[in-house]
C-alpha atoms as a PDB file:
ATOM      1  CA  MET A   1      20.836 -19.231 -17.232  1.00  0.00           C
ATOM      2  CA  ASN A   2      20.921 -17.221 -13.873  1.00  0.00           C
ATOM      3  CA  LEU A   3      18.543 -14.267 -14.333  1.00  0.00           C
ATOM      4  CA  ARG A   4      19.525 -10.952 -11.672  1.00  0.00           C
ATOM      5  CA  ILE A   5      16.934  -8.634 -11.262  1.00  0.00           C
ATOM      6  CA  THR A   6      17.805  -5.157 -10.726  1.00  0.00           C
ATOM      7  CA  LEU A   7      15.387  -3.043  -9.035  1.00  0.00           C
ATOM      8  CA  VAL A   8      14.955   0.398 -10.017  1.00  0.00           C
ATOM      9  CA  ILE A   9      14.407   1.282  -6.213  1.00  0.00           C
ATOM     10  CA  ALA A  10      17.940   0.326  -5.402  1.00  0.00           C
ATOM     11  CA  PHE A  11      19.166   2.970  -7.686  1.00  0.00           C
ATOM     12  CA  LEU A  12      16.483   5.463  -6.655  1.00  0.00           C
ATOM     13  CA  SER A  13      17.881   5.320  -3.217  1.00  0.00           C
ATOM     14  CA  PHE A  14      21.813   5.612  -4.835  1.00  0.00           C
ATOM     15  CA  THR A  15      20.911   8.542  -6.627  1.00  0.00           C
ATOM     16  CA  ALA A  16      19.656  10.383  -3.373  1.00  0.00           C
ATOM     17  CA  THR A  17      23.173  10.081  -1.872  1.00  0.00           C
ATOM     18  CA  LEU A  18      24.465  11.759  -5.137  1.00  0.00           C
ATOM     19  CA  HIS A  19      22.830  14.943  -5.199  1.00  0.00           C
ATOM     20  CA  ALA A  20      20.657  14.429  -7.950  1.00  0.00           C
ATOM     21  CA  GLU A  21      22.955  13.222 -10.283  1.00  0.00           C
ATOM     22  CA  ARG A  22      21.759  11.726 -13.686  1.00  0.00           C
ATOM     23  CA  ILE A  23      22.254   8.351 -14.116  1.00  0.00           C
ATOM     24  CA  SER A  24      21.400   5.825 -17.062  1.00  0.00           C
ATOM     25  CA  LEU A  25      20.641   2.168 -16.703  1.00  0.00           C
ATOM     26  CA  VAL A  26      21.746   0.687 -20.534  1.00  0.00           C
ATOM     27  CA  GLY A  27      20.942  -2.503 -22.126  1.00  0.00           C
ATOM     28  CA  ALA A  28      18.728  -3.934 -19.872  1.00  0.00           C
ATOM     29  CA  THR A  29      15.024  -5.422 -20.533  1.00  0.00           C
ATOM     30  CA  VAL A  30      12.336  -3.469 -18.760  1.00  0.00           C
ATOM     31  CA  ILE A  31       9.170  -4.990 -17.668  1.00  0.00           C
ATOM     32  CA  ASN A  32       6.365  -2.873 -16.905  1.00  0.00           C
ATOM     33  CA  PRO A  33       3.468  -4.645 -14.997  1.00  0.00           C
ATOM     34  CA  ALA A  34       0.850  -1.903 -15.624  1.00  0.00           C
ATOM     35  CA  ASP A  35       0.647  -2.539 -19.475  1.00  0.00           C
ATOM     36  CA  GLY A  36       2.198  -6.047 -19.554  1.00  0.00           C
ATOM     37  CA  LYS A  37       5.000  -4.414 -22.025  1.00  0.00           C
ATOM     38  CA  VAL A  38       8.450  -5.805 -22.173  1.00  0.00           C
ATOM     39  CA  LEU A  39      10.800  -3.706 -23.746  1.00  0.00           C
ATOM     40  CA  PRO A  40      14.721  -5.378 -24.471  1.00  0.00           C
ATOM     41  CA  ASN A  41      17.709  -3.241 -24.685  1.00  0.00           C
ATOM     42  CA  ALA A  42      16.168  -0.434 -22.877  1.00  0.00           C
ATOM     43  CA  THR A  43      17.701   2.572 -21.221  1.00  0.00           C
ATOM     44  CA  VAL A  44      16.185   3.920 -18.048  1.00  0.00           C
ATOM     45  CA  THR A  45      17.384   7.604 -17.260  1.00  0.00           C
ATOM     46  CA  ILE A  46      16.852   8.761 -13.619  1.00  0.00           C
ATOM     47  CA  ASN A  47      17.367  12.165 -12.655  1.00  0.00           C
ATOM     48  CA  GLY A  48      17.437  12.817  -9.064  1.00  0.00           C
ATOM     49  CA  ASP A  49      14.788  10.654  -7.654  1.00  0.00           C
ATOM     50  CA  LYS A  50      12.568  10.500 -10.585  1.00  0.00           C
ATOM     51  CA  ILE A  51      12.743   8.110 -13.675  1.00  0.00           C
ATOM     52  CA  GLU A  52      13.074  10.781 -16.456  1.00  0.00           C
ATOM     53  CA  ARG A  53      12.389   8.451 -19.595  1.00  0.00           C
ATOM     54  CA  VAL A  54      12.660   5.046 -20.826  1.00  0.00           C
ATOM     55  CA  ALA A  55      13.590   4.251 -24.401  1.00  0.00           C
ATOM     56  CA  ILE A  56      14.448   1.504 -26.536  1.00  0.00           C
ATOM     57  CA  GLY A  57      17.763   1.123 -28.781  1.00  0.00           C
ATOM     58  CA  LYS A  58      20.989   3.538 -28.903  1.00  0.00           C
ATOM     59  CA  GLN A  59      20.757   6.832 -27.142  1.00  0.00           C
ATOM     60  CA  ASP A  60      22.135   9.874 -27.266  1.00  0.00           C
ATOM     61  CA  ALA A  61      25.342   9.251 -24.758  1.00  0.00           C
ATOM     62  CA  ALA A  62      25.634  13.151 -23.532  1.00  0.00           C
ATOM     63  CA  ALA A  63      22.284  12.923 -22.231  1.00  0.00           C
ATOM     64  CA  LEU A  64      22.474  10.034 -20.487  1.00  0.00           C
ATOM     65  CA  GLY A  65      25.113  11.256 -17.513  1.00  0.00           C
ATOM     66  CA  LYS A  66      26.968   8.135 -15.526  1.00  0.00           C
ATOM     67  CA  GLN A  67      26.139   5.029 -17.164  1.00  0.00           C
ATOM     68  CA  ILE A  68      25.710   1.712 -15.694  1.00  0.00           C
ATOM     69  CA  SER A  69      25.908  -1.309 -18.237  1.00  0.00           C
ATOM     70  CA  CYS A  70      22.764  -3.791 -17.501  1.00  0.00           C
ATOM     71  CA  PRO A  71      22.949  -6.187 -20.517  1.00  0.00           C
ATOM     72  CA  GLY A  72      21.319  -9.770 -19.145  1.00  0.00           C
ATOM     73  CA  LYS A  73      19.644  -7.915 -16.277  1.00  0.00           C
ATOM     74  CA  PHE A  74      15.655  -6.975 -15.879  1.00  0.00           C
ATOM     75  CA  ILE A  75      14.596  -3.661 -14.245  1.00  0.00           C
ATOM     76  CA  LEU A  76      10.809  -3.627 -12.963  1.00  0.00           C
ATOM     77  CA  PRO A  77       9.275  -1.585  -9.780  1.00  0.00           C
ATOM     78  CA  GLY A  78       9.987  -3.309  -6.569  1.00  0.00           C
ATOM     79  CA  TYR A  79       7.187  -6.068  -5.267  1.00  0.00           C
ATOM     80  CA  ILE A  80       5.199  -5.174  -2.216  1.00  0.00           C
ATOM     81  CA  ASP A  81       4.031  -8.151  -0.248  1.00  0.00           C
ATOM     82  CA  THR A  82       0.569  -7.129   1.558  1.00  0.00           C
ATOM     83  CA  HIS A  83       0.747  -9.736   4.172  1.00  0.00           C
ATOM     84  CA  VAL A  84       3.953 -10.991   6.370  1.00  0.00           C
ATOM     85  CA  HIS A  85       4.287 -11.474  10.178  1.00  0.00           C
ATOM     86  CA  PHE A  86       7.819 -10.782  11.213  1.00  0.00           C
ATOM     87  CA  PHE A  87       7.429 -12.622  14.469  1.00  0.00           C
ATOM     88  CA  GLN A  88       6.870 -15.698  12.299  1.00  0.00           C
ATOM     89  CA  SER A  89       9.725 -17.686  10.542  1.00  0.00           C
ATOM     90  CA  ALA A  90       7.634 -20.506   8.707  1.00  0.00           C
ATOM     91  CA  ASP A  91       9.254 -23.106  10.081  1.00  0.00           C
ATOM     92  CA  LEU A  92       7.770 -25.685  12.186  1.00  0.00           C
ATOM     93  CA  PHE A  93       8.282 -24.230  15.404  1.00  0.00           C
ATOM     94  CA  THR A  94       6.497 -20.800  14.788  1.00  0.00           C
ATOM     95  CA  ARG A  95       3.157 -21.639  15.421  1.00  0.00           C
ATOM     96  CA  PRO A  96       2.717 -23.439  18.808  1.00  0.00           C
ATOM     97  CA  ASP A  97      -0.647 -22.824  19.156  1.00  0.00           C
ATOM     98  CA  GLY A  98      -1.246 -25.039  15.974  1.00  0.00           C
ATOM     99  CA  THR A  99       1.116 -27.469  16.480  1.00  0.00           C
ATOM    100  CA  ASP A 100       3.363 -27.547  19.940  1.00  0.00           C
ATOM    101  CA  LEU A 101       6.880 -28.493  19.743  1.00  0.00           C
ATOM    102  CA  ASN A 102       7.997 -26.578  22.580  1.00  0.00           C
ATOM    103  CA  ALA A 103       9.669 -29.963  23.639  1.00  0.00           C
ATOM    104  CA  VAL A 104      12.110 -29.776  20.539  1.00  0.00           C
ATOM    105  CA  ARG A 105      12.602 -26.211  20.157  1.00  0.00           C
ATOM    106  CA  PRO A 106      11.228 -24.058  23.126  1.00  0.00           C
ATOM    107  CA  TYR A 107       9.079 -21.303  21.298  1.00  0.00           C
ATOM    108  CA  LYS A 108      11.149 -18.672  23.298  1.00  0.00           C
ATOM    109  CA  ASP A 109      14.211 -19.788  21.452  1.00  0.00           C
ATOM    110  CA  GLU A 110      12.586 -19.776  18.034  1.00  0.00           C
ATOM    111  CA  VAL A 111      11.387 -16.007  18.650  1.00  0.00           C
ATOM    112  CA  ALA A 112      14.879 -14.657  19.873  1.00  0.00           C
ATOM    113  CA  TRP A 113      16.485 -16.412  16.634  1.00  0.00           C
ATOM    114  CA  ILE A 114      13.747 -14.409  14.548  1.00  0.00           C
ATOM    115  CA  LYS A 115      15.067 -11.030  16.221  1.00  0.00           C
ATOM    116  CA  SER A 116      18.751 -12.083  15.931  1.00  0.00           C
ATOM    117  CA  HIS A 117      18.154 -12.670  12.061  1.00  0.00           C
ATOM    118  CA  LEU A 118      16.074  -9.332  11.082  1.00  0.00           C
ATOM    119  CA  ASP A 119      18.956  -8.161   8.880  1.00  0.00           C
ATOM    120  CA  ASP A 120      18.821 -11.589   7.201  1.00  0.00           C
ATOM    121  CA  VAL A 121      15.166 -11.517   6.367  1.00  0.00           C
ATOM    122  CA  PHE A 122      15.154  -7.867   5.226  1.00  0.00           C
ATOM    123  CA  ALA A 123      18.286  -8.826   2.466  1.00  0.00           C
ATOM    124  CA  ARG A 124      16.446 -11.638   1.691  1.00  0.00           C
ATOM    125  CA  TYR A 125      13.253  -9.658   0.547  1.00  0.00           C
ATOM    126  CA  ILE A 126      15.397  -6.977  -1.428  1.00  0.00           C
ATOM    127  CA  ARG A 127      17.083  -9.996  -3.096  1.00  0.00           C
ATOM    128  CA  CYS A 128      13.565 -11.451  -4.235  1.00  0.00           C
ATOM    129  CA  GLY A 129      12.653  -8.311  -5.874  1.00  0.00           C
ATOM    130  CA  ILE A 130      10.777  -7.230  -2.807  1.00  0.00           C
ATOM    131  CA  THR A 131      10.935  -3.352  -1.907  1.00  0.00           C
ATOM    132  CA  SER A 132       7.820  -3.125   0.421  1.00  0.00           C
ATOM    133  CA  VAL A 133       6.269  -5.208   2.804  1.00  0.00           C
ATOM    134  CA  VAL A 134       3.171  -4.971   5.012  1.00  0.00           C
ATOM    135  CA  ASP A 135       3.299  -7.085   8.538  1.00  0.00           C
ATOM    136  CA  VAL A 136      -0.395  -6.920   9.198  1.00  0.00           C
ATOM    137  CA  GLY A 137      -0.083  -8.216  12.912  1.00  0.00           C
ATOM    138  CA  GLY A 138       2.355  -9.127  15.566  1.00  0.00           C
ATOM    139  CA  PRO A 139       3.825  -7.986  18.888  1.00  0.00           C
ATOM    140  CA  MET A 140       4.585  -4.745  19.999  1.00  0.00           C
ATOM    141  CA  TRP A 141       8.253  -5.210  19.080  1.00  0.00           C
ATOM    142  CA  ASN A 142       6.934  -4.751  15.544  1.00  0.00           C
ATOM    143  CA  PHE A 143       7.584  -1.381  15.578  1.00  0.00           C
ATOM    144  CA  GLU A 144      11.302  -2.184  16.515  1.00  0.00           C
ATOM    145  CA  VAL A 145      11.074  -3.980  13.248  1.00  0.00           C
ATOM    146  CA  ARG A 146      10.031  -1.098  11.244  1.00  0.00           C
ATOM    147  CA  LYS A 147      12.558   1.331  13.110  1.00  0.00           C
ATOM    148  CA  LYS A 148      15.329  -1.390  12.188  1.00  0.00           C
ATOM    149  CA  ALA A 149      14.170  -1.407   8.814  1.00  0.00           C
ATOM    150  CA  ASN A 150      14.179   2.245   8.624  1.00  0.00           C
ATOM    151  CA  ALA A 151      18.031   2.590   9.813  1.00  0.00           C
ATOM    152  CA  THR A 152      19.069  -0.549   7.205  1.00  0.00           C
ATOM    153  CA  ALA A 153      20.396   0.307   3.676  1.00  0.00           C
ATOM    154  CA  LYS A 154      19.517  -3.012   2.516  1.00  0.00           C
ATOM    155  CA  ALA A 155      16.006  -3.609   4.012  1.00  0.00           C
ATOM    156  CA  PRO A 156      12.451  -2.893   2.535  1.00  0.00           C
ATOM    157  CA  ARG A 157      10.100  -0.304   3.270  1.00  0.00           C
ATOM    158  CA  VAL A 158       7.915  -1.807   6.206  1.00  0.00           C
ATOM    159  CA  ALA A 159       4.724  -0.795   7.289  1.00  0.00           C
ATOM    160  CA  VAL A 160       2.866  -2.597  10.401  1.00  0.00           C
ATOM    161  CA  ALA A 161       0.240  -3.325  12.823  1.00  0.00           C
ATOM    162  CA  GLY A 162       0.631  -3.893  16.175  1.00  0.00           C
ATOM    163  CA  PRO A 163      -0.977  -6.812  17.889  1.00  0.00           C
ATOM    164  CA  LEU A 164      -4.434  -8.223  16.181  1.00  0.00           C
ATOM    165  CA  ILE A 165      -7.270  -6.856  18.035  1.00  0.00           C
ATOM    166  CA  SER A 166      -9.700 -10.432  18.547  1.00  0.00           C
ATOM    167  CA  SER A 167     -12.316 -12.429  19.915  1.00  0.00           C
ATOM    168  CA  VAL A 168      -9.998 -15.044  20.895  1.00  0.00           C
ATOM    169  CA  SER A 169      -6.561 -15.469  22.571  1.00  0.00           C
ATOM    170  CA  ARG A 170      -3.247 -17.601  21.832  1.00  0.00           C
ATOM    171  CA  GLU A 171      -1.865 -17.848  25.253  1.00  0.00           C
ATOM    172  CA  LYS A 172       1.028 -20.156  23.522  1.00  0.00           C
ATOM    173  CA  LEU A 173       2.177 -17.170  21.469  1.00  0.00           C
ATOM    174  CA  ASP A 174       2.389 -15.014  24.550  1.00  0.00           C
ATOM    175  CA  LEU A 175       5.700 -14.306  25.542  1.00  0.00           C
ATOM    176  CA  GLY A 176       4.610 -11.120  27.905  1.00  0.00           C
ATOM    177  CA  ASP A 177       4.270  -9.284  24.538  1.00  0.00           C
ATOM    178  CA  PRO A 178       1.333 -11.048  22.735  1.00  0.00           C
ATOM    179  CA  PRO A 179       0.662 -10.779  19.151  1.00  0.00           C
ATOM    180  CA  ILE A 180      -3.093 -11.485  19.692  1.00  0.00           C
ATOM    181  CA  VAL A 181      -5.003  -9.731  22.038  1.00  0.00           C
ATOM    182  CA  LYS A 182      -8.567 -10.699  23.214  1.00  0.00           C
ATOM    183  CA  ILE A 183     -10.633  -7.571  23.795  1.00  0.00           C
ATOM    184  CA  ASP A 184     -13.878  -8.102  25.397  1.00  0.00           C
ATOM    185  CA  THR A 185     -15.770  -4.763  25.593  1.00  0.00           C
ATOM    186  CA  PRO A 186     -15.664  -1.422  23.118  1.00  0.00           C
ATOM    187  CA  ASP A 187     -14.146   0.598  25.709  1.00  0.00           C
ATOM    188  CA  GLN A 188     -11.543  -1.788  26.058  1.00  0.00           C
ATOM    189  CA  ALA A 189     -10.786  -1.818  22.204  1.00  0.00           C
ATOM    190  CA  ARG A 190     -10.872   2.011  22.193  1.00  0.00           C
ATOM    191  CA  ASP A 191      -8.285   2.080  25.001  1.00  0.00           C
ATOM    192  CA  PHE A 192      -6.268  -0.417  23.187  1.00  0.00           C
ATOM    193  CA  VAL A 193      -6.327   1.597  19.945  1.00  0.00           C
ATOM    194  CA  ARG A 194      -5.350   4.535  21.788  1.00  0.00           C
ATOM    195  CA  LYS A 195      -2.059   2.565  22.673  1.00  0.00           C
ATOM    196  CA  LEU A 196      -1.415   1.586  19.537  1.00  0.00           C
ATOM    197  CA  ALA A 197      -1.746   5.073  18.361  1.00  0.00           C
ATOM    198  CA  GLU A 198       1.067   6.497  20.646  1.00  0.00           C
ATOM    199  CA  GLN A 199       3.404   3.911  18.122  1.00  0.00           C
ATOM    200  CA  LYS A 200       2.002   5.418  15.171  1.00  0.00           C
ATOM    201  CA  PRO A 201       0.652   1.917  13.235  1.00  0.00           C
ATOM    202  CA  ASP A 202       0.237   2.043   9.884  1.00  0.00           C
ATOM    203  CA  LEU A 203      -2.824   0.195   9.849  1.00  0.00           C
ATOM    204  CA  VAL A 204      -5.041  -1.511  13.072  1.00  0.00           C
ATOM    205  CA  LYS A 205      -5.911  -5.129  12.266  1.00  0.00           C
ATOM    206  CA  ILE A 206      -9.057  -6.995  13.698  1.00  0.00           C
ATOM    207  CA  TRP A 207      -9.249 -10.687  13.905  1.00  0.00           C
ATOM    208  CA  TYR A 208     -12.879 -11.712  13.735  1.00  0.00           C
ATOM    209  CA  ILE A 209     -13.054 -14.982  14.589  1.00  0.00           C
ATOM    210  CA  VAL A 210     -16.266 -16.612  14.827  1.00  0.00           C
ATOM    211  CA  ASP A 211     -17.744 -19.548  16.114  1.00  0.00           C
ATOM    212  CA  LYS A 212     -20.330 -21.565  18.292  1.00  0.00           C
ATOM    213  CA  ASP A 213     -18.545 -19.665  21.379  1.00  0.00           C
ATOM    214  CA  HIS A 214     -17.721 -16.283  19.551  1.00  0.00           C
ATOM    215  CA  PRO A 215     -21.244 -15.549  17.690  1.00  0.00           C
ATOM    216  CA  VAL A 216     -20.773 -12.724  14.881  1.00  0.00           C
ATOM    217  CA  GLU A 217     -23.139 -10.052  17.035  1.00  0.00           C
ATOM    218  CA  SER A 218     -21.171 -10.479  20.047  1.00  0.00           C
ATOM    219  CA  PHE A 219     -17.989  -9.016  18.551  1.00  0.00           C
ATOM    220  CA  ARG A 220     -19.494  -6.750  16.391  1.00  0.00           C
ATOM    221  CA  PRO A 221     -19.785  -3.522  18.759  1.00  0.00           C
ATOM    222  CA  ILE A 222     -15.743  -4.433  19.823  1.00  0.00           C
ATOM    223  CA  VAL A 223     -15.086  -3.842  15.710  1.00  0.00           C
ATOM    224  CA  ARG A 224     -17.383  -0.936  15.424  1.00  0.00           C
ATOM    225  CA  ALA A 225     -15.713   0.736  18.322  1.00  0.00           C
ATOM    226  CA  THR A 226     -12.089  -0.377  16.920  1.00  0.00           C
ATOM    227  CA  ILE A 227     -12.832   1.175  13.568  1.00  0.00           C
ATOM    228  CA  GLU A 228     -14.319   4.534  14.856  1.00  0.00           C
ATOM    229  CA  GLU A 229     -11.171   5.311  17.212  1.00  0.00           C
ATOM    230  CA  SER A 230      -8.942   3.945  14.839  1.00  0.00           C
ATOM    231  CA  HIS A 231     -10.396   6.433  12.221  1.00  0.00           C
ATOM    232  CA  ALA A 232     -10.338   9.102  15.126  1.00  0.00           C
ATOM    233  CA  HIS A 233      -6.595   8.458  14.524  1.00  0.00           C
ATOM    234  CA  LYS A 234      -6.738   8.568  11.001  1.00  0.00           C
ATOM    235  CA  THR A 235      -5.244   4.850  10.961  1.00  0.00           C
ATOM    236  CA  ARG A 236      -6.568   2.463   8.506  1.00  0.00           C
ATOM    237  CA  VAL A 237      -7.914  -0.636   9.650  1.00  0.00           C
ATOM    238  CA  ALA A 238      -7.632  -4.107   8.056  1.00  0.00           C
ATOM    239  CA  VAL A 239      -9.751  -6.977   9.113  1.00  0.00           C
ATOM    240  CA  HIS A 240      -9.283 -10.941   8.825  1.00  0.00           C
ATOM    241  CA  ALA A 241     -12.376 -12.254   8.583  1.00  0.00           C
ATOM    242  CA  THR A 242     -12.981 -15.893   6.742  1.00  0.00           C
ATOM    243  CA  GLU A 243     -16.127 -17.808   7.873  1.00  0.00           C
ATOM    244  CA  LEU A 244     -19.608 -18.140   6.545  1.00  0.00           C
ATOM    245  CA  GLU A 245     -20.851 -15.971   9.335  1.00  0.00           C
ATOM    246  CA  THR A 246     -18.468 -13.095   8.342  1.00  0.00           C
ATOM    247  CA  ALA A 247     -20.410 -13.363   4.540  1.00  0.00           C
ATOM    248  CA  ARG A 248     -23.747 -13.050   6.483  1.00  0.00           C
ATOM    249  CA  ALA A 249     -22.671 -10.129   8.298  1.00  0.00           C
ATOM    250  CA  ALA A 250     -21.169  -8.797   4.862  1.00  0.00           C
ATOM    251  CA  VAL A 251     -24.629  -8.962   3.233  1.00  0.00           C
ATOM    252  CA  GLU A 252     -26.165  -7.267   6.499  1.00  0.00           C
ATOM    253  CA  VAL A 253     -23.784  -4.525   5.817  1.00  0.00           C
ATOM    254  CA  ALA A 254     -24.243  -4.045   2.108  1.00  0.00           C
ATOM    255  CA  GLN A 255     -28.145  -4.227   2.828  1.00  0.00           C
ATOM    256  CA  LEU A 256     -27.879  -1.229   5.123  1.00  0.00           C
ATOM    257  CA  ALA A 257     -25.418   0.188   2.649  1.00  0.00           C
ATOM    258  CA  ALA A 258     -27.764   0.305   0.374  1.00  0.00           C
ATOM    259  CA  LEU A 259     -30.974   1.783   2.524  1.00  0.00           C
ATOM    260  CA  VAL A 260     -28.506   4.502   3.598  1.00  0.00           C
ATOM    261  CA  ALA A 261     -27.799   5.577  -0.136  1.00  0.00           C
ATOM    262  CA  GLU A 262     -31.564   5.692  -0.724  1.00  0.00           C
ATOM    263  CA  LYS A 263     -33.075   7.245   2.326  1.00  0.00           C
ATOM    264  CA  GLY A 264     -30.391   8.664   4.279  1.00  0.00           C
ATOM    265  CA  ASN A 265     -28.886  12.233   4.296  1.00  0.00           C
ATOM    266  CA  THR A 266     -27.690  13.048   0.708  1.00  0.00           C
ATOM    267  CA  ASN A 267     -24.447  14.082   2.259  1.00  0.00           C
ATOM    268  CA  ALA A 268     -23.581  10.391   3.236  1.00  0.00           C
ATOM    269  CA  VAL A 269     -24.304   8.878  -0.115  1.00  0.00           C
ATOM    270  CA  THR A 270     -20.360   8.108  -0.931  1.00  0.00           C
ATOM    271  CA  ASP A 271     -20.265   6.736   2.356  1.00  0.00           C
ATOM    272  CA  ALA A 272     -22.997   4.393   1.786  1.00  0.00           C
ATOM    273  CA  GLY A 273     -20.923   3.697  -1.434  1.00  0.00           C
ATOM    274  CA  VAL A 274     -17.665   2.648   0.075  1.00  0.00           C
ATOM    275  CA  ALA A 275     -19.658   0.702   2.780  1.00  0.00           C
ATOM    276  CA  ALA A 276     -21.186  -1.416   0.217  1.00  0.00           C
ATOM    277  CA  LEU A 277     -18.122  -2.016  -1.998  1.00  0.00           C
ATOM    278  CA  LEU A 278     -16.348  -2.988   1.344  1.00  0.00           C
ATOM    279  CA  ALA A 279     -19.167  -5.230   2.412  1.00  0.00           C
ATOM    280  CA  ALA A 280     -18.945  -7.105  -1.109  1.00  0.00           C
ATOM    281  CA  ALA A 281     -15.216  -7.233  -1.069  1.00  0.00           C
ATOM    282  CA  ALA A 282     -15.430  -9.131   2.552  1.00  0.00           C
ATOM    283  CA  ALA A 283     -18.561 -11.487   1.264  1.00  0.00           C
ATOM    284  CA  LYS A 284     -16.395 -12.623  -1.502  1.00  0.00           C
ATOM    285  CA  GLY A 285     -13.103 -13.309   0.560  1.00  0.00           C
ATOM    286  CA  ALA A 286     -14.968 -14.707   2.953  1.00  0.00           C
ATOM    287  CA  ALA A 287     -16.814 -17.032   0.430  1.00  0.00           C
ATOM    288  CA  TYR A 288     -13.217 -18.048  -0.890  1.00  0.00           C
ATOM    289  CA  ASN A 289     -11.734 -18.826   2.103  1.00  0.00           C
ATOM    290  CA  VAL A 290     -14.944 -21.069   2.814  1.00  0.00           C
ATOM    291  CA  ARG A 291     -14.363 -22.927  -0.923  1.00  0.00           C
ATOM    292  CA  VAL A 292     -10.907 -23.500   0.106  1.00  0.00           C
ATOM    293  CA  ASN A 293     -11.396 -24.904   3.692  1.00  0.00           C
ATOM    294  CA  VAL A 294     -14.178 -27.303   2.834  1.00  0.00           C
ATOM    295  CA  GLN A 295     -11.588 -29.086   0.682  1.00  0.00           C
ATOM    296  CA  ALA A 296     -10.429 -30.805   3.847  1.00  0.00           C
ATOM    297  CA  LEU A 297     -13.798 -32.022   4.921  1.00  0.00           C
ATOM    298  CA  GLU A 298     -14.733 -35.634   4.800  1.00  0.00           C
ATOM    299  CA  ASP A 299     -18.239 -35.111   4.106  1.00  0.00           C
ATOM    300  CA  ARG A 300     -18.104 -33.712   0.283  1.00  0.00           C
ATOM    301  CA  SER A 301     -21.971 -32.944  -0.015  1.00  0.00           C
ATOM    302  CA  LYS A 302     -21.352 -30.606   3.096  1.00  0.00           C
ATOM    303  CA  GLY A 303     -18.141 -29.022   2.109  1.00  0.00           C
ATOM    304  CA  GLN A 304     -20.516 -28.189  -1.334  1.00  0.00           C
ATOM    305  CA  SER A 305     -23.313 -26.941   0.812  1.00  0.00           C
ATOM    306  CA  LEU A 306     -21.480 -24.463   2.696  1.00  0.00           C
ATOM    307  CA  ALA A 307     -19.689 -23.478  -0.548  1.00  0.00           C
ATOM    308  CA  ARG A 308     -22.680 -22.868  -2.345  1.00  0.00           C
ATOM    309  CA  ASP A 309     -23.886 -20.785   0.850  1.00  0.00           C
ATOM    310  CA  ALA A 310     -21.165 -18.831   0.769  1.00  0.00           C
ATOM    311  CA  GLU A 311     -21.135 -18.221  -2.878  1.00  0.00           C
ATOM    312  CA  GLN A 312     -24.848 -17.226  -2.975  1.00  0.00           C
ATOM    313  CA  LEU A 313     -23.836 -14.518  -0.427  1.00  0.00           C
ATOM    314  CA  ALA A 314     -21.217 -13.179  -2.120  1.00  0.00           C
ATOM    315  CA  LYS A 315     -23.236 -12.903  -5.069  1.00  0.00           C
ATOM    316  CA  ARG A 316     -26.083 -10.913  -3.228  1.00  0.00           C
ATOM    317  CA  ALA A 317     -23.766  -8.742  -1.520  1.00  0.00           C
ATOM    318  CA  GLY A 318     -22.256  -7.907  -5.105  1.00  0.00           C
ATOM    319  CA  GLU A 319     -25.937  -7.193  -6.321  1.00  0.00           C
ATOM    320  CA  LEU A 320     -26.368  -4.726  -3.493  1.00  0.00           C
ATOM    321  CA  ALA A 321     -22.832  -3.006  -4.114  1.00  0.00           C
ATOM    322  CA  ASP A 322     -23.868  -2.642  -7.857  1.00  0.00           C
ATOM    323  CA  ARG A 323     -27.466  -0.783  -6.658  1.00  0.00           C
ATOM    324  CA  THR A 324     -25.880   1.101  -3.994  1.00  0.00           C
ATOM    325  CA  SER A 325     -23.341   2.275  -6.778  1.00  0.00           C
ATOM    326  CA  SER A 326     -26.189   2.994  -8.932  1.00  0.00           C
ATOM    327  CA  ILE A 327     -27.610   5.272  -6.538  1.00  0.00           C
ATOM    328  CA  VAL A 328     -24.337   6.850  -5.580  1.00  0.00           C
ATOM    329  CA  GLU A 329     -23.739   7.831  -9.407  1.00  0.00           C
ATOM    330  CA  ARG A 330     -27.028   9.079  -9.738  1.00  0.00           C
ATOM    331  CA  ALA A 331     -26.563  11.265  -6.591  1.00  0.00           C
ATOM    332  CA  LEU A 332     -22.989  12.854  -8.205  1.00  0.00           C
ATOM    333  CA  SER A 333     -24.641  13.375 -11.638  1.00  0.00           C
ATOM    334  CA  SER A 334     -27.669  15.431  -9.941  1.00  0.00           C
END
């Protein structure tokens, strides 16, 4: 049995062109992810750009306005894909920095194909019930993708970052508009964020790579400058951080946050609380990635040791976050 998903958001867009006409979707199954309820034979009444009511069973036809029959269909909020990269197609040729198949299909041809098929990409998202996507890093032409999506009826809402700010570069992905930009100094980071700000990004993305050639401490001033400059432009920041060293750095941040909450300016106590929560989330995320990556190691004992270290760091960061939160709550209640 083929089940077609009818998305509320599509009808909301439709009603905007009908000057606030009341429309009712009759006979569908409504799924509410917020409370897990499934409502069979439901009627969803939309008045303008608002859902006026959701009811089960037979309704007064006079109050429904224009009716659209929806038996066998499902109505639910549009899904959100929070991590996409429009410059990647997910086929074999899209990451020559990982597996270089330029001899089979030149990477420039791959990118040209991606650009020429954006309408199909947008439509596939809608067909899958995805009404919002977040591109968390790519070339500057990402901003053209957002512009095109905004001008396309059958497209999701698109939020984008520009090129990833990183401690490393990926030359094989650079066709003159690199998706990853290596930043060497805090001033360079600030200048690049200002360049991004001209395009009004929805977020700025940091690709925090830590290895023997790029120790965590060496990139931290650049991260700090990137975040400060982004926040000065009222822009969110996302950080890709997956290594064990990242978890250790997160614990350090959580320790500092707890200290600030205890000893620092009382006006900054909530800032310390937020910092501790973010640090705990970063440590837990890094621990997850360590655990999944060590599964590929041949030395099982080494992998188990690394996973234990990561989990202990995540636990410590969580304890510090809880401690800081208690301090914040006491400060707010006094």
